[in-house]
PDB file of N, CA and C in Angstrom:
ATOM      1  N   MET A   1    -146.906 191.143 -40.532  1.00  0.00           N
ATOM      2  CA  MET A   1    -146.640 189.934 -40.197  1.00  0.00           C
ATOM      3  C   MET A   1    -147.552 189.702 -39.367  1.00  0.00           C
ATOM      4  N   ASN A   2    -148.183 188.408 -39.435  1.00  0.00           N
ATOM      5  CA  ASN A   2    -149.320 188.150 -38.881  1.00  0.00           C
ATOM      6  C   ASN A   2    -149.239 188.331 -37.620  1.00  0.00           C
ATOM      7  N   PHE A   3    -150.055 188.232 -36.970  1.00  0.00           N
ATOM      8  CA  PHE A   3    -150.818 188.319 -35.650  1.00  0.00           C
ATOM      9  C   PHE A   3    -150.207 187.304 -34.546  1.00  0.00           C
ATOM     10  N   PHE A   4    -150.374 185.810 -35.082  1.00  0.00           N
ATOM     11  CA  PHE A   4    -149.842 184.741 -34.641  1.00  0.00           C
ATOM     12  C   PHE A   4    -148.854 184.547 -34.695  1.00  0.00           C
ATOM     13  N   ARG A   5    -147.844 184.870 -35.544  1.00  0.00           N
ATOM     14  CA  ARG A   5    -146.516 184.883 -35.992  1.00  0.00           C
ATOM     15  C   ARG A   5    -145.510 185.687 -34.939  1.00  0.00           C
ATOM     16  N   VAL A   6    -146.090 186.898 -34.517  1.00  0.00           N
ATOM     17  CA  VAL A   6    -146.078 187.638 -33.801  1.00  0.00           C
ATOM     18  C   VAL A   6    -146.236 187.159 -32.062  1.00  0.00           C
ATOM     19  N   LEU A   7    -147.612 186.241 -31.934  1.00  0.00           N
ATOM     20  CA  LEU A   7    -147.358 185.915 -30.965  1.00  0.00           C
ATOM     21  C   LEU A   7    -146.307 184.756 -30.276  1.00  0.00           C
ATOM     22  N   ARG A   8    -146.106 184.155 -31.777  1.00  0.00           N
ATOM     23  CA  ARG A   8    -145.083 182.880 -31.014  1.00  0.00           C
ATOM     24  C   ARG A   8    -143.584 183.253 -31.332  1.00  0.00           C
ATOM     25  N   ASP A   9    -143.208 184.164 -32.425  1.00  0.00           N
ATOM     26  CA  ASP A   9    -141.791 183.976 -32.613  1.00  0.00           C
ATOM     27  C   ASP A   9    -141.561 185.511 -31.696  1.00  0.00           C
ATOM     28  N   ARG A  10    -142.643 186.602 -31.411  1.00  0.00           N
ATOM     29  CA  ARG A  10    -141.893 187.611 -30.685  1.00  0.00           C
ATOM     30  C   ARG A  10    -142.320 187.984 -29.276  1.00  0.00           C
ATOM     31  N   GLN A  11    -142.712 187.129 -28.669  1.00  0.00           N
ATOM     32  CA  GLN A  11    -143.759 187.338 -27.406  1.00  0.00           C
ATOM     33  C   GLN A  11    -143.365 188.260 -26.298  1.00  0.00           C
ATOM     34  N   GLU A  12    -141.616 188.181 -26.568  1.00  0.00           N
ATOM     35  CA  GLU A  12    -141.084 189.296 -25.262  1.00  0.00           C
ATOM     36  C   GLU A  12    -141.386 190.701 -25.554  1.00  0.00           C
ATOM     37  N   ALA A  13    -141.058 190.974 -26.721  1.00  0.00           N
ATOM     38  CA  ALA A  13    -141.566 192.162 -27.787  1.00  0.00           C
ATOM     39  C   ALA A  13    -143.052 192.820 -27.886  1.00  0.00           C
ATOM     40  N   LEU A  14    -143.899 191.628 -27.999  1.00  0.00           N
ATOM     41  CA  LEU A  14    -145.196 192.249 -27.735  1.00  0.00           C
ATOM     42  C   LEU A  14    -146.111 192.026 -26.680  1.00  0.00           C
ATOM     43  N   ILE A  15    -145.043 191.783 -25.634  1.00  0.00           N
ATOM     44  CA  ILE A  15    -145.957 192.348 -23.762  1.00  0.00           C
ATOM     45  C   ILE A  15    -145.424 193.384 -23.861  1.00  0.00           C
ATOM     46  N   ARG A  16    -144.350 193.497 -24.341  1.00  0.00           N
ATOM     47  CA  ARG A  16    -143.077 195.235 -23.755  1.00  0.00           C
ATOM     48  C   ARG A  16    -143.847 196.150 -24.237  1.00  0.00           C
ATOM     49  N   THR A  17    -144.512 195.771 -25.448  1.00  0.00           N
ATOM     50  CA  THR A  17    -145.615 197.186 -25.866  1.00  0.00           C
ATOM     51  C   THR A  17    -146.809 196.978 -25.826  1.00  0.00           C
ATOM     52  N   ILE A  18    -147.099 195.799 -25.475  1.00  0.00           N
ATOM     53  CA  ILE A  18    -148.654 195.919 -24.916  1.00  0.00           C
ATOM     54  C   ILE A  18    -148.278 196.976 -23.679  1.00  0.00           C
ATOM     55  N   GLY A  19    -147.271 196.662 -22.631  1.00  0.00           N
ATOM     56  CA  GLY A  19    -147.489 197.070 -21.663  1.00  0.00           C
ATOM     57  C   GLY A  19    -146.747 198.764 -21.410  1.00  0.00           C
ATOM     58  N   LEU A  20    -146.510 199.021 -22.664  1.00  0.00           N
ATOM     59  CA  LEU A  20    -146.038 200.688 -22.932  1.00  0.00           C
ATOM     60  C   LEU A  20    -147.497 201.439 -23.545  1.00  0.00           C
ATOM     61  N   THR A  21    -148.802 200.271 -24.216  1.00  0.00           N
ATOM     62  CA  THR A  21    -149.779 201.340 -24.864  1.00  0.00           C
ATOM     63  C   THR A  21    -150.244 201.881 -23.674  1.00  0.00           C
ATOM     64  N   ARG A  22    -151.063 202.529 -24.093  1.00  0.00           N
ATOM     65  CA  ARG A  22    -151.518 203.844 -22.895  1.00  0.00           C
ATOM     66  C   ARG A  22    -153.049 203.383 -22.305  1.00  0.00           C
ATOM     67  N   PHE A  23    -153.509 203.365 -21.745  1.00  0.00           N
ATOM     68  CA  PHE A  23    -154.460 202.694 -20.900  1.00  0.00           C
ATOM     69  C   PHE A  23    -154.313 201.507 -20.742  1.00  0.00           C
ATOM     70  N   SER A  24    -153.058 200.822 -20.719  1.00  0.00           N
ATOM     71  CA  SER A  24    -153.065 198.715 -20.580  1.00  0.00           C
ATOM     72  C   SER A  24    -153.119 199.060 -19.324  1.00  0.00           C
ATOM     73  N   ARG A  25    -152.453 199.055 -18.089  1.00  0.00           N
ATOM     74  CA  ARG A  25    -152.895 198.656 -16.573  1.00  0.00           C
ATOM     75  C   ARG A  25    -154.355 199.185 -16.280  1.00  0.00           C
ATOM     76  N   GLU A  26    -155.041 200.210 -16.869  1.00  0.00           N
ATOM     77  CA  GLU A  26    -156.727 200.648 -16.280  1.00  0.00           C
ATOM     78  C   GLU A  26    -157.295 199.023 -17.009  1.00  0.00           C
ATOM     79  N   GLU A  27    -156.959 199.391 -18.261  1.00  0.00           N
ATOM     80  CA  GLU A  27    -157.893 198.057 -19.073  1.00  0.00           C
ATOM     81  C   GLU A  27    -157.849 196.987 -18.125  1.00  0.00           C
ATOM     82  N   LEU A  28    -156.370 196.745 -17.914  1.00  0.00           N
ATOM     83  CA  LEU A  28    -156.212 195.471 -17.205  1.00  0.00           C
ATOM     84  C   LEU A  28    -157.364 195.079 -15.622  1.00  0.00           C
ATOM     85  N   HIS A  29    -157.109 195.857 -15.192  1.00  0.00           N
ATOM     86  CA  HIS A  29    -157.663 196.152 -13.903  1.00  0.00           C
ATOM     87  C   HIS A  29    -159.099 196.268 -14.174  1.00  0.00           C
ATOM     88  N   VAL A  30    -159.608 196.840 -15.363  1.00  0.00           N
ATOM     89  CA  VAL A  30    -161.008 197.120 -15.255  1.00  0.00           C
ATOM     90  C   VAL A  30    -161.568 195.610 -15.445  1.00  0.00           C
ATOM     91  N   ALA A  31    -160.814 194.803 -16.255  1.00  0.00           N
ATOM     92  CA  ALA A  31    -161.483 193.413 -17.194  1.00  0.00           C
ATOM     93  C   ALA A  31    -160.688 192.283 -15.660  1.00  0.00           C
ATOM     94  N   ALA A  32    -160.120 192.561 -15.232  1.00  0.00           N
ATOM     95  CA  ALA A  32    -160.092 191.321 -14.446  1.00  0.00           C
ATOM     96  C   ALA A  32    -161.057 191.884 -13.128  1.00  0.00           C
ATOM     97  N   GLU A  33    -161.767 193.135 -12.551  1.00  0.00           N
ATOM     98  CA  GLU A  33    -162.850 193.257 -11.810  1.00  0.00           C
ATOM     99  C   GLU A  33    -164.053 192.671 -12.665  1.00  0.00           C
ATOM    100  N   GLU A  34    -164.287 192.951 -13.625  1.00  0.00           N
ATOM    101  CA  GLU A  34    -165.515 192.612 -14.111  1.00  0.00           C
ATOM    102  C   GLU A  34    -166.502 190.973 -14.025  1.00  0.00           C
ATOM    103  N   PRO A  35    -167.334 190.788 -14.068  1.00  0.00           N
ATOM    104  CA  PRO A  35    -168.000 189.287 -13.833  1.00  0.00           C
ATOM    105  C   PRO A  35    -168.151 188.969 -15.018  1.00  0.00           C
ATOM    106  N   ILE A  36    -167.582 187.651 -15.045  1.00  0.00           N
ATOM    107  CA  ILE A  36    -167.544 186.837 -16.438  1.00  0.00           C
ATOM    108  C   ILE A  36    -168.960 186.278 -16.311  1.00  0.00           C
ATOM    109  N   GLU A  37    -169.520 186.575 -17.461  1.00  0.00           N
ATOM    110  CA  GLU A  37    -171.384 186.390 -18.170  1.00  0.00           C
ATOM    111  C   GLU A  37    -170.842 185.370 -18.784  1.00  0.00           C
ATOM    112  N   GLU A  38    -171.508 184.436 -19.267  1.00  0.00           N
ATOM    113  CA  GLU A  38    -171.405 183.381 -20.470  1.00  0.00           C
ATOM    114  C   GLU A  38    -172.241 183.854 -21.473  1.00  0.00           C
ATOM    115  N   ASP A  39    -171.593 183.717 -22.730  1.00  0.00           N
ATOM    116  CA  ASP A  39    -171.706 184.219 -23.676  1.00  0.00           C
ATOM    117  C   ASP A  39    -173.107 182.803 -24.300  1.00  0.00           C
ATOM    118  N   ARG A  40    -174.086 183.841 -24.396  1.00  0.00           N
ATOM    119  CA  ARG A  40    -175.319 182.816 -24.994  1.00  0.00           C
ATOM    120  C   ARG A  40    -175.358 182.874 -26.145  1.00  0.00           C
ATOM    121  N   ASP A  41    -174.090 183.135 -27.075  1.00  0.00           N
ATOM    122  CA  ASP A  41    -173.975 183.022 -28.342  1.00  0.00           C
ATOM    123  C   ASP A  41    -173.252 181.556 -28.870  1.00  0.00           C
ATOM    124  N   LEU A  42    -172.170 181.400 -27.704  1.00  0.00           N
ATOM    125  CA  LEU A  42    -171.446 180.494 -27.526  1.00  0.00           C
ATOM    126  C   LEU A  42    -172.561 179.225 -26.835  1.00  0.00           C
ATOM    127  N   ASN A  43    -173.209 179.083 -26.620  1.00  0.00           N
ATOM    128  CA  ASN A  43    -173.708 177.537 -25.707  1.00  0.00           C
ATOM    129  C   ASN A  43    -174.726 177.968 -26.521  1.00  0.00           C
ATOM    130  N   ALA A  44    -175.362 177.868 -27.862  1.00  0.00           N
ATOM    131  CA  ALA A  44    -176.838 177.497 -28.474  1.00  0.00           C
ATOM    132  C   ALA A  44    -176.181 176.659 -28.996  1.00  0.00           C
TER     133      ALA A  44
END
């Protein structure tokens, strides 16, 4: 199944599965605390 179809059609199942993924909460906290740097490649 295509990722975007799952994202569109099975949002709740995807969210639940991601929540059950090992280390997902820890990664979320790390990502939320990291400063956002501008991507040099996108600004070229």
